[in-house]
Amino acid sequence: MPSRLPAAERREQLLDVAMTVFSDHGFHGASMNEVAAAAGVTKPVLYQHFPSKRELYLELVEGVSSQLAEAVTTAARSESGALNQAQAALTAYFRFVEENQREFRLLFGRGAPREEEFESGSRVVENRMASTIVDLLDDRIDLETRQVFARAIVGMSEGVSRHWVAQASRPSADSMAKELAQLLVGGLAGLHS
Protein backbone atom coordinates (compact mmCIF):
# COMPACT_ATOMS: atom_id res chain seq x y z
CA MET A 1 0.00 0.00 0.00
CA PRO A 2 1.46 3.41 -0.94
CA SER A 3 2.31 5.68 1.95
CA ARG A 4 -0.19 8.43 2.57
CA LEU A 5 1.19 11.83 1.62
CA PRO A 6 -0.39 15.24 2.08
CA ALA A 7 -2.19 16.27 -1.11
CA ALA A 8 0.39 18.89 -2.14
CA GLU A 9 3.29 16.43 -1.70
CA ARG A 10 1.41 13.69 -3.56
CA ARG A 11 0.72 16.09 -6.44
CA GLU A 12 4.43 16.99 -6.67
CA GLN A 13 5.38 13.31 -6.56
CA LEU A 14 2.91 12.53 -9.35
CA LEU A 15 4.25 15.41 -11.47
CA ASP A 16 7.81 14.17 -11.00
CA VAL A 17 6.92 10.61 -11.95
CA ALA A 18 4.81 11.77 -14.89
CA MET A 19 7.72 13.89 -16.14
CA THR A 20 9.84 10.75 -16.40
CA VAL A 21 7.09 8.66 -18.01
CA PHE A 22 6.19 11.31 -20.60
CA SER A 23 9.79 12.19 -21.41
CA ASP A 24 10.64 8.50 -21.87
CA HIS A 25 7.57 7.49 -23.88
CA GLY A 26 6.10 10.71 -25.29
CA PHE A 27 2.52 11.79 -24.83
CA HIS A 28 0.95 9.12 -27.04
CA GLY A 29 3.20 6.32 -25.78
CA ALA A 30 2.53 6.99 -22.10
CA SER A 31 -0.59 6.01 -20.20
CA MET A 32 -2.19 7.02 -16.95
CA ASN A 33 -1.85 3.37 -15.87
CA GLU A 34 1.93 3.69 -16.32
CA VAL A 35 2.09 6.94 -14.37
CA ALA A 36 0.01 5.50 -11.52
CA ALA A 37 2.07 2.29 -11.38
CA ALA A 38 5.38 4.17 -11.45
CA ALA A 39 4.12 6.43 -8.64
CA GLY A 40 2.89 3.47 -6.59
CA VAL A 41 -0.69 4.73 -6.49
CA THR A 42 -3.98 3.62 -7.94
CA LYS A 43 -5.48 5.29 -10.99
CA PRO A 44 -8.27 6.84 -8.91
CA VAL A 45 -5.62 8.59 -6.77
CA LEU A 46 -3.96 9.91 -9.93
CA TYR A 47 -7.31 11.11 -11.28
CA GLN A 48 -8.04 12.93 -8.01
CA HIS A 49 -5.11 15.20 -8.83
CA PHE A 50 -5.31 15.31 -12.64
CA PRO A 51 -8.64 14.85 -14.41
CA SER A 52 -7.03 13.60 -17.62
CA LYS A 53 -3.78 12.60 -19.24
CA ARG A 54 -4.02 15.71 -21.39
CA GLU A 55 -4.31 18.05 -18.38
CA LEU A 56 -1.42 16.32 -16.60
CA TYR A 57 0.77 16.63 -19.67
CA LEU A 58 -0.16 20.28 -20.29
CA GLU A 59 0.63 21.18 -16.69
CA LEU A 60 4.08 19.62 -17.07
CA VAL A 61 4.73 21.40 -20.36
CA GLU A 62 3.60 24.78 -19.06
CA GLY A 63 5.74 24.46 -15.95
CA VAL A 64 8.89 23.46 -17.84
CA SER A 65 8.42 26.02 -20.59
CA SER A 66 8.01 28.84 -18.08
CA GLN A 67 11.09 27.72 -16.16
CA LEU A 68 13.28 27.56 -19.29
CA ALA A 69 12.01 30.82 -20.78
CA GLU A 70 12.54 32.64 -17.49
CA ALA A 71 16.10 31.32 -17.11
CA VAL A 72 17.06 32.39 -20.64
CA THR A 73 15.44 35.81 -20.64
CA THR A 74 16.73 36.67 -17.14
CA ALA A 75 20.27 35.70 -18.15
CA ALA A 76 20.13 37.77 -21.34
CA ARG A 77 18.79 40.83 -19.58
CA SER A 78 21.45 40.63 -16.86
CA GLU A 79 24.21 41.52 -19.33
CA SER A 80 24.98 44.39 -21.68
CA GLY A 81 26.38 44.24 -25.17
CA ALA A 82 25.24 41.83 -27.85
CA LEU A 83 27.99 39.23 -27.36
CA ASN A 84 27.63 39.12 -23.56
CA GLN A 85 23.84 38.96 -23.76
CA ALA A 86 23.89 36.21 -26.38
CA GLN A 87 26.45 34.22 -24.43
CA ALA A 88 24.54 34.59 -21.15
CA ALA A 89 21.26 33.52 -22.76
CA LEU A 90 22.84 30.55 -24.51
CA THR A 91 24.70 29.49 -21.37
CA ALA A 92 21.42 29.50 -19.44
CA TYR A 93 19.78 27.50 -22.23
CA PHE A 94 22.53 24.87 -22.45
CA ARG A 95 22.78 24.56 -18.66
CA PHE A 96 19.04 24.02 -18.48
CA VAL A 97 19.25 21.33 -21.16
CA GLU A 98 22.19 19.63 -19.47
CA GLU A 99 20.66 19.71 -15.99
CA ASN A 100 17.08 18.94 -17.07
CA GLN A 101 17.31 16.42 -19.90
CA ARG A 102 13.97 14.79 -19.27
CA GLU A 103 12.31 18.24 -19.23
CA PHE A 104 14.04 19.10 -22.52
CA ARG A 105 12.80 15.80 -24.03
CA LEU A 106 9.29 16.59 -22.80
CA LEU A 107 9.29 19.92 -24.68
CA PHE A 108 11.33 19.09 -27.75
CA GLY A 109 11.70 15.31 -27.87
CA ARG A 110 10.49 13.16 -30.70
CA GLY A 111 7.64 11.92 -28.52
CA ALA A 112 6.23 15.41 -27.99
CA PRO A 113 2.81 15.61 -29.65
CA ARG A 114 2.53 17.87 -32.66
CA GLU A 115 -1.13 18.73 -32.26
CA GLU A 116 -1.68 22.46 -31.87
CA GLU A 117 -3.10 22.25 -28.35
CA PHE A 118 0.06 20.56 -27.07
CA GLU A 119 2.60 22.78 -28.75
CA SER A 120 1.82 25.66 -26.43
CA GLY A 121 4.69 24.87 -24.06
CA SER A 122 7.43 24.77 -26.64
CA ARG A 123 5.82 27.76 -28.35
CA VAL A 124 5.89 29.73 -25.10
CA VAL A 125 9.62 29.07 -24.82
CA GLU A 126 10.28 29.84 -28.47
CA ASN A 127 8.15 33.01 -28.40
CA ARG A 128 9.72 34.37 -25.23
CA MET A 129 13.25 33.61 -26.38
CA ALA A 130 12.60 35.05 -29.84
CA SER A 131 11.10 38.18 -28.30
CA THR A 132 14.17 38.64 -26.12
CA ILE A 133 16.46 38.11 -29.09
CA VAL A 134 14.53 40.65 -31.18
CA ASP A 135 15.15 43.21 -28.43
CA LEU A 136 18.87 42.37 -28.39
CA LEU A 137 19.40 42.57 -32.14
CA ASP A 138 20.79 45.72 -33.70
CA ASP A 139 17.92 48.15 -34.31
CA ARG A 140 19.49 49.14 -37.63
CA ILE A 141 17.85 45.91 -38.86
CA ASP A 142 14.13 46.32 -39.53
CA LEU A 143 11.72 44.63 -37.10
CA GLU A 144 10.46 42.00 -39.55
CA THR A 145 14.01 40.88 -40.37
CA ARG A 146 14.96 40.82 -36.67
CA GLN A 147 11.94 38.58 -36.01
CA VAL A 148 13.08 36.18 -38.74
CA PHE A 149 16.64 36.15 -37.39
CA ALA A 150 15.37 35.61 -33.84
CA ARG A 151 13.36 32.56 -34.93
CA ALA A 152 16.40 31.23 -36.80
CA ILE A 153 18.56 31.64 -33.69
CA VAL A 154 15.99 29.86 -31.51
CA GLY A 155 15.69 26.99 -34.01
CA MET A 156 19.45 26.72 -34.35
CA SER A 157 19.90 26.66 -30.57
CA GLU A 158 17.36 23.87 -30.22
CA GLY A 159 18.98 21.85 -33.00
CA VAL A 160 22.48 22.34 -31.60
CA SER A 161 21.33 21.36 -28.13
CA ARG A 162 19.75 18.12 -29.43
CA HIS A 163 23.07 17.17 -30.99
CA TRP A 164 25.16 18.45 -28.08
CA VAL A 165 23.23 16.64 -25.34
CA ALA A 166 23.46 13.34 -27.22
CA GLN A 167 27.27 13.41 -27.23
CA ALA A 168 28.99 11.24 -24.62
CA SER A 169 31.97 13.57 -24.55
CA ARG A 170 30.79 17.11 -25.09
CA PRO A 171 32.07 20.60 -24.42
CA SER A 172 30.74 22.38 -21.34
CA ALA A 173 27.59 24.46 -21.52
CA ASP A 174 29.72 27.58 -21.08
CA SER A 175 32.10 26.80 -23.93
CA MET A 176 29.27 25.68 -26.23
CA ALA A 177 27.41 28.93 -25.51
CA LYS A 178 30.54 31.01 -26.08
CA GLU A 179 31.20 29.43 -29.48
CA LEU A 180 27.60 29.74 -30.64
CA ALA A 181 27.34 33.33 -29.37
CA GLN A 182 30.48 34.27 -31.31
CA LEU A 183 29.03 32.68 -34.44
CA LEU A 184 25.74 34.50 -34.05
CA VAL A 185 27.13 37.91 -33.18
CA GLY A 186 29.85 37.66 -35.84
CA GLY A 187 27.30 36.64 -38.45
CA LEU A 188 24.95 39.46 -37.54
CA ALA A 189 27.84 41.96 -37.57
CA GLY A 190 28.57 40.84 -41.14
CA LEU A 191 25.18 42.18 -42.20
CA HIS A 192 26.52 45.73 -41.85
CA SER A 193 29.84 45.30 -43.62
C-alpha atoms as a PDB file:
ATOM      1  CA  MET A   1       0.000   0.000   0.000  1.00  0.00           C
ATOM      2  CA  PRO A   2       1.462   3.414  -0.940  1.00  0.00           C
ATOM      3  CA  SER A   3       2.305   5.683   1.954  1.00  0.00           C
ATOM      4  CA  ARG A   4      -0.188   8.432   2.570  1.00  0.00           C
ATOM      5  CA  LEU A   5       1.193  11.833   1.618  1.00  0.00           C
ATOM      6  CA  PRO A   6      -0.388  15.236   2.084  1.00  0.00           C
ATOM      7  CA  ALA A   7      -2.194  16.269  -1.108  1.00  0.00           C
ATOM      8  CA  ALA A   8       0.390  18.889  -2.145  1.00  0.00           C
ATOM      9  CA  GLU A   9       3.295  16.426  -1.700  1.00  0.00           C
ATOM     10  CA  ARG A  10       1.406  13.691  -3.557  1.00  0.00           C
ATOM     11  CA  ARG A  11       0.718  16.087  -6.436  1.00  0.00           C
ATOM     12  CA  GLU A  12       4.428  16.989  -6.673  1.00  0.00           C
ATOM     13  CA  GLN A  13       5.382  13.314  -6.561  1.00  0.00           C
ATOM     14  CA  LEU A  14       2.915  12.531  -9.346  1.00  0.00           C
ATOM     15  CA  LEU A  15       4.246  15.408 -11.473  1.00  0.00           C
ATOM     16  CA  ASP A  16       7.807  14.174 -10.997  1.00  0.00           C
ATOM     17  CA  VAL A  17       6.919  10.606 -11.947  1.00  0.00           C
ATOM     18  CA  ALA A  18       4.808  11.767 -14.894  1.00  0.00           C
ATOM     19  CA  MET A  19       7.724  13.885 -16.136  1.00  0.00           C
ATOM     20  CA  THR A  20       9.838  10.752 -16.398  1.00  0.00           C
ATOM     21  CA  VAL A  21       7.091   8.660 -18.007  1.00  0.00           C
ATOM     22  CA  PHE A  22       6.189  11.307 -20.603  1.00  0.00           C
ATOM     23  CA  SER A  23       9.794  12.187 -21.414  1.00  0.00           C
ATOM     24  CA  ASP A  24      10.642   8.496 -21.867  1.00  0.00           C
ATOM     25  CA  HIS A  25       7.567   7.492 -23.882  1.00  0.00           C
ATOM     26  CA  GLY A  26       6.098  10.705 -25.291  1.00  0.00           C
ATOM     27  CA  PHE A  27       2.521  11.792 -24.828  1.00  0.00           C
ATOM     28  CA  HIS A  28       0.953   9.125 -27.042  1.00  0.00           C
ATOM     29  CA  GLY A  29       3.197   6.321 -25.785  1.00  0.00           C
ATOM     30  CA  ALA A  30       2.530   6.995 -22.105  1.00  0.00           C
ATOM     31  CA  SER A  31      -0.588   6.011 -20.197  1.00  0.00           C
ATOM     32  CA  MET A  32      -2.187   7.020 -16.946  1.00  0.00           C
ATOM     33  CA  ASN A  33      -1.847   3.370 -15.874  1.00  0.00           C
ATOM     34  CA  GLU A  34       1.925   3.692 -16.321  1.00  0.00           C
ATOM     35  CA  VAL A  35       2.091   6.936 -14.374  1.00  0.00           C
ATOM     36  CA  ALA A  36       0.007   5.501 -11.516  1.00  0.00           C
ATOM     37  CA  ALA A  37       2.067   2.293 -11.380  1.00  0.00           C
ATOM     38  CA  ALA A  38       5.375   4.174 -11.446  1.00  0.00           C
ATOM     39  CA  ALA A  39       4.119   6.433  -8.638  1.00  0.00           C
ATOM     40  CA  GLY A  40       2.893   3.473  -6.595  1.00  0.00           C
ATOM     41  CA  VAL A  41      -0.689   4.731  -6.491  1.00  0.00           C
ATOM     42  CA  THR A  42      -3.980   3.620  -7.942  1.00  0.00           C
ATOM     43  CA  LYS A  43      -5.481   5.290 -10.990  1.00  0.00           C
ATOM     44  CA  PRO A  44      -8.267   6.842  -8.906  1.00  0.00           C
ATOM     45  CA  VAL A  45      -5.622   8.588  -6.768  1.00  0.00           C
ATOM     46  CA  LEU A  46      -3.956   9.908  -9.926  1.00  0.00           C
ATOM     47  CA  TYR A  47      -7.307  11.108 -11.283  1.00  0.00           C
ATOM     48  CA  GLN A  48      -8.041  12.927  -8.010  1.00  0.00           C
ATOM     49  CA  HIS A  49      -5.109  15.196  -8.830  1.00  0.00           C
ATOM     50  CA  PHE A  50      -5.306  15.314 -12.638  1.00  0.00           C
ATOM     51  CA  PRO A  51      -8.645  14.855 -14.411  1.00  0.00           C
ATOM     52  CA  SER A  52      -7.027  13.599 -17.624  1.00  0.00           C
ATOM     53  CA  LYS A  53      -3.778  12.598 -19.240  1.00  0.00           C
ATOM     54  CA  ARG A  54      -4.023  15.711 -21.394  1.00  0.00           C
ATOM     55  CA  GLU A  55      -4.306  18.045 -18.382  1.00  0.00           C
ATOM     56  CA  LEU A  56      -1.423  16.316 -16.598  1.00  0.00           C
ATOM     57  CA  TYR A  57       0.772  16.634 -19.672  1.00  0.00           C
ATOM     58  CA  LEU A  58      -0.161  20.275 -20.289  1.00  0.00           C
ATOM     59  CA  GLU A  59       0.633  21.184 -16.685  1.00  0.00           C
ATOM     60  CA  LEU A  60       4.079  19.625 -17.066  1.00  0.00           C
ATOM     61  CA  VAL A  61       4.728  21.404 -20.358  1.00  0.00           C
ATOM     62  CA  GLU A  62       3.596  24.784 -19.061  1.00  0.00           C
ATOM     63  CA  GLY A  63       5.745  24.463 -15.952  1.00  0.00           C
ATOM     64  CA  VAL A  64       8.886  23.463 -17.837  1.00  0.00           C
ATOM     65  CA  SER A  65       8.420  26.015 -20.593  1.00  0.00           C
ATOM     66  CA  SER A  66       8.010  28.837 -18.082  1.00  0.00           C
ATOM     67  CA  GLN A  67      11.094  27.725 -16.159  1.00  0.00           C
ATOM     68  CA  LEU A  68      13.276  27.562 -19.294  1.00  0.00           C
ATOM     69  CA  ALA A  69      12.009  30.821 -20.775  1.00  0.00           C
ATOM     70  CA  GLU A  70      12.535  32.638 -17.494  1.00  0.00           C
ATOM     71  CA  ALA A  71      16.102  31.322 -17.109  1.00  0.00           C
ATOM     72  CA  VAL A  72      17.063  32.387 -20.643  1.00  0.00           C
ATOM     73  CA  THR A  73      15.439  35.814 -20.638  1.00  0.00           C
ATOM     74  CA  THR A  74      16.730  36.669 -17.144  1.00  0.00           C
ATOM     75  CA  ALA A  75      20.272  35.704 -18.147  1.00  0.00           C
ATOM     76  CA  ALA A  76      20.135  37.767 -21.339  1.00  0.00           C
ATOM     77  CA  ARG A  77      18.791  40.832 -19.581  1.00  0.00           C
ATOM     78  CA  SER A  78      21.445  40.631 -16.858  1.00  0.00           C
ATOM     79  CA  GLU A  79      24.215  41.521 -19.334  1.00  0.00           C
ATOM     80  CA  SER A  80      24.976  44.385 -21.677  1.00  0.00           C
ATOM     81  CA  GLY A  81      26.384  44.240 -25.172  1.00  0.00           C
ATOM     82  CA  ALA A  82      25.243  41.827 -27.852  1.00  0.00           C
ATOM     83  CA  LEU A  83      27.991  39.226 -27.359  1.00  0.00           C
ATOM     84  CA  ASN A  84      27.632  39.123 -23.565  1.00  0.00           C
ATOM     85  CA  GLN A  85      23.843  38.964 -23.762  1.00  0.00           C
ATOM     86  CA  ALA A  86      23.890  36.211 -26.381  1.00  0.00           C
ATOM     87  CA  GLN A  87      26.451  34.217 -24.432  1.00  0.00           C
ATOM     88  CA  ALA A  88      24.540  34.590 -21.147  1.00  0.00           C
ATOM     89  CA  ALA A  89      21.265  33.523 -22.759  1.00  0.00           C
ATOM     90  CA  LEU A  90      22.841  30.545 -24.511  1.00  0.00           C
ATOM     91  CA  THR A  91      24.701  29.493 -21.369  1.00  0.00           C
ATOM     92  CA  ALA A  92      21.420  29.502 -19.439  1.00  0.00           C
ATOM     93  CA  TYR A  93      19.783  27.504 -22.227  1.00  0.00           C
ATOM     94  CA  PHE A  94      22.531  24.868 -22.448  1.00  0.00           C
ATOM     95  CA  ARG A  95      22.784  24.558 -18.665  1.00  0.00           C
ATOM     96  CA  PHE A  96      19.039  24.020 -18.483  1.00  0.00           C
ATOM     97  CA  VAL A  97      19.248  21.333 -21.164  1.00  0.00           C
ATOM     98  CA  GLU A  98      22.193  19.631 -19.467  1.00  0.00           C
ATOM     99  CA  GLU A  99      20.664  19.708 -15.992  1.00  0.00           C
ATOM    100  CA  ASN A 100      17.077  18.942 -17.074  1.00  0.00           C
ATOM    101  CA  GLN A 101      17.306  16.419 -19.896  1.00  0.00           C
ATOM    102  CA  ARG A 102      13.966  14.794 -19.272  1.00  0.00           C
ATOM    103  CA  GLU A 103      12.314  18.236 -19.231  1.00  0.00           C
ATOM    104  CA  PHE A 104      14.036  19.098 -22.517  1.00  0.00           C
ATOM    105  CA  ARG A 105      12.797  15.803 -24.029  1.00  0.00           C
ATOM    106  CA  LEU A 106       9.293  16.591 -22.799  1.00  0.00           C
ATOM    107  CA  LEU A 107       9.288  19.924 -24.677  1.00  0.00           C
ATOM    108  CA  PHE A 108      11.330  19.089 -27.747  1.00  0.00           C
ATOM    109  CA  GLY A 109      11.704  15.312 -27.874  1.00  0.00           C
ATOM    110  CA  ARG A 110      10.491  13.161 -30.703  1.00  0.00           C
ATOM    111  CA  GLY A 111       7.635  11.915 -28.521  1.00  0.00           C
ATOM    112  CA  ALA A 112       6.229  15.415 -27.991  1.00  0.00           C
ATOM    113  CA  PRO A 113       2.815  15.605 -29.645  1.00  0.00           C
ATOM    114  CA  ARG A 114       2.533  17.871 -32.662  1.00  0.00           C
ATOM    115  CA  GLU A 115      -1.132  18.727 -32.264  1.00  0.00           C
ATOM    116  CA  GLU A 116      -1.682  22.459 -31.872  1.00  0.00           C
ATOM    117  CA  GLU A 117      -3.103  22.249 -28.351  1.00  0.00           C
ATOM    118  CA  PHE A 118       0.060  20.555 -27.071  1.00  0.00           C
ATOM    119  CA  GLU A 119       2.603  22.778 -28.750  1.00  0.00           C
ATOM    120  CA  SER A 120       1.821  25.665 -26.434  1.00  0.00           C
ATOM    121  CA  GLY A 121       4.685  24.868 -24.061  1.00  0.00           C
ATOM    122  CA  SER A 122       7.429  24.769 -26.644  1.00  0.00           C
ATOM    123  CA  ARG A 123       5.824  27.765 -28.352  1.00  0.00           C
ATOM    124  CA  VAL A 124       5.895  29.734 -25.097  1.00  0.00           C
ATOM    125  CA  VAL A 125       9.620  29.067 -24.817  1.00  0.00           C
ATOM    126  CA  GLU A 126      10.276  29.840 -28.470  1.00  0.00           C
ATOM    127  CA  ASN A 127       8.148  33.008 -28.399  1.00  0.00           C
ATOM    128  CA  ARG A 128       9.721  34.374 -25.225  1.00  0.00           C
ATOM    129  CA  MET A 129      13.250  33.612 -26.381  1.00  0.00           C
ATOM    130  CA  ALA A 130      12.599  35.045 -29.842  1.00  0.00           C
ATOM    131  CA  SER A 131      11.099  38.179 -28.304  1.00  0.00           C
ATOM    132  CA  THR A 132      14.170  38.637 -26.117  1.00  0.00           C
ATOM    133  CA  ILE A 133      16.460  38.109 -29.092  1.00  0.00           C
ATOM    134  CA  VAL A 134      14.531  40.654 -31.182  1.00  0.00           C
ATOM    135  CA  ASP A 135      15.150  43.209 -28.432  1.00  0.00           C
ATOM    136  CA  LEU A 136      18.865  42.373 -28.391  1.00  0.00           C
ATOM    137  CA  LEU A 137      19.396  42.575 -32.140  1.00  0.00           C
ATOM    138  CA  ASP A 138      20.786  45.719 -33.701  1.00  0.00           C
ATOM    139  CA  ASP A 139      17.925  48.149 -34.306  1.00  0.00           C
ATOM    140  CA  ARG A 140      19.493  49.136 -37.627  1.00  0.00           C
ATOM    141  CA  ILE A 141      17.852  45.913 -38.858  1.00  0.00           C
ATOM    142  CA  ASP A 142      14.132  46.322 -39.530  1.00  0.00           C
ATOM    143  CA  LEU A 143      11.723  44.629 -37.101  1.00  0.00           C
ATOM    144  CA  GLU A 144      10.457  41.999 -39.546  1.00  0.00           C
ATOM    145  CA  THR A 145      14.014  40.881 -40.368  1.00  0.00           C
ATOM    146  CA  ARG A 146      14.958  40.825 -36.674  1.00  0.00           C
ATOM    147  CA  GLN A 147      11.943  38.578 -36.006  1.00  0.00           C
ATOM    148  CA  VAL A 148      13.077  36.177 -38.741  1.00  0.00           C
ATOM    149  CA  PHE A 149      16.639  36.154 -37.389  1.00  0.00           C
ATOM    150  CA  ALA A 150      15.368  35.607 -33.843  1.00  0.00           C
ATOM    151  CA  ARG A 151      13.358  32.556 -34.928  1.00  0.00           C
ATOM    152  CA  ALA A 152      16.396  31.235 -36.797  1.00  0.00           C
ATOM    153  CA  ILE A 153      18.558  31.638 -33.688  1.00  0.00           C
ATOM    154  CA  VAL A 154      15.994  29.865 -31.511  1.00  0.00           C
ATOM    155  CA  GLY A 155      15.691  26.995 -34.012  1.00  0.00           C
ATOM    156  CA  MET A 156      19.451  26.716 -34.351  1.00  0.00           C
ATOM    157  CA  SER A 157      19.898  26.663 -30.568  1.00  0.00           C
ATOM    158  CA  GLU A 158      17.359  23.873 -30.220  1.00  0.00           C
ATOM    159  CA  GLY A 159      18.984  21.853 -33.000  1.00  0.00           C
ATOM    160  CA  VAL A 160      22.475  22.341 -31.601  1.00  0.00           C
ATOM    161  CA  SER A 161      21.327  21.356 -28.129  1.00  0.00           C
ATOM    162  CA  ARG A 162      19.752  18.121 -29.427  1.00  0.00           C
ATOM    163  CA  HIS A 163      23.074  17.166 -30.992  1.00  0.00           C
ATOM    164  CA  TRP A 164      25.156  18.447 -28.076  1.00  0.00           C
ATOM    165  CA  VAL A 165      23.227  16.641 -25.338  1.00  0.00           C
ATOM    166  CA  ALA A 166      23.455  13.337 -27.219  1.00  0.00           C
ATOM    167  CA  GLN A 167      27.268  13.409 -27.226  1.00  0.00           C
ATOM    168  CA  ALA A 168      28.988  11.239 -24.619  1.00  0.00           C
ATOM    169  CA  SER A 169      31.967  13.565 -24.549  1.00  0.00           C
ATOM    170  CA  ARG A 170      30.790  17.111 -25.091  1.00  0.00           C
ATOM    171  CA  PRO A 171      32.074  20.601 -24.422  1.00  0.00           C
ATOM    172  CA  SER A 172      30.737  22.384 -21.336  1.00  0.00           C
ATOM    173  CA  ALA A 173      27.585  24.463 -21.521  1.00  0.00           C
ATOM    174  CA  ASP A 174      29.723  27.578 -21.075  1.00  0.00           C
ATOM    175  CA  SER A 175      32.098  26.801 -23.934  1.00  0.00           C
ATOM    176  CA  MET A 176      29.273  25.683 -26.228  1.00  0.00           C
ATOM    177  CA  ALA A 177      27.409  28.927 -25.510  1.00  0.00           C
ATOM    178  CA  LYS A 178      30.538  31.011 -26.084  1.00  0.00           C
ATOM    179  CA  GLU A 179      31.197  29.431 -29.483  1.00  0.00           C
ATOM    180  CA  LEU A 180      27.603  29.743 -30.636  1.00  0.00           C
ATOM    181  CA  ALA A 181      27.344  33.331 -29.374  1.00  0.00           C
ATOM    182  CA  GLN A 182      30.481  34.270 -31.313  1.00  0.00           C
ATOM    183  CA  LEU A 183      29.034  32.678 -34.442  1.00  0.00           C
ATOM    184  CA  LEU A 184      25.741  34.502 -34.052  1.00  0.00           C
ATOM    185  CA  VAL A 185      27.129  37.913 -33.185  1.00  0.00           C
ATOM    186  CA  GLY A 186      29.850  37.655 -35.839  1.00  0.00           C
ATOM    187  CA  GLY A 187      27.297  36.641 -38.450  1.00  0.00           C
ATOM    188  CA  LEU A 188      24.955  39.462 -37.543  1.00  0.00           C
ATOM    189  CA  ALA A 189      27.835  41.956 -37.571  1.00  0.00           C
ATOM    190  CA  GLY A 190      28.571  40.843 -41.137  1.00  0.00           C
ATOM    191  CA  LEU A 191      25.183  42.181 -42.204  1.00  0.00           C
ATOM    192  CA  HIS A 192      26.523  45.735 -41.850  1.00  0.00           C
ATOM    193  CA  SER A 193      29.842  45.302 -43.621  1.00  0.00           C
END
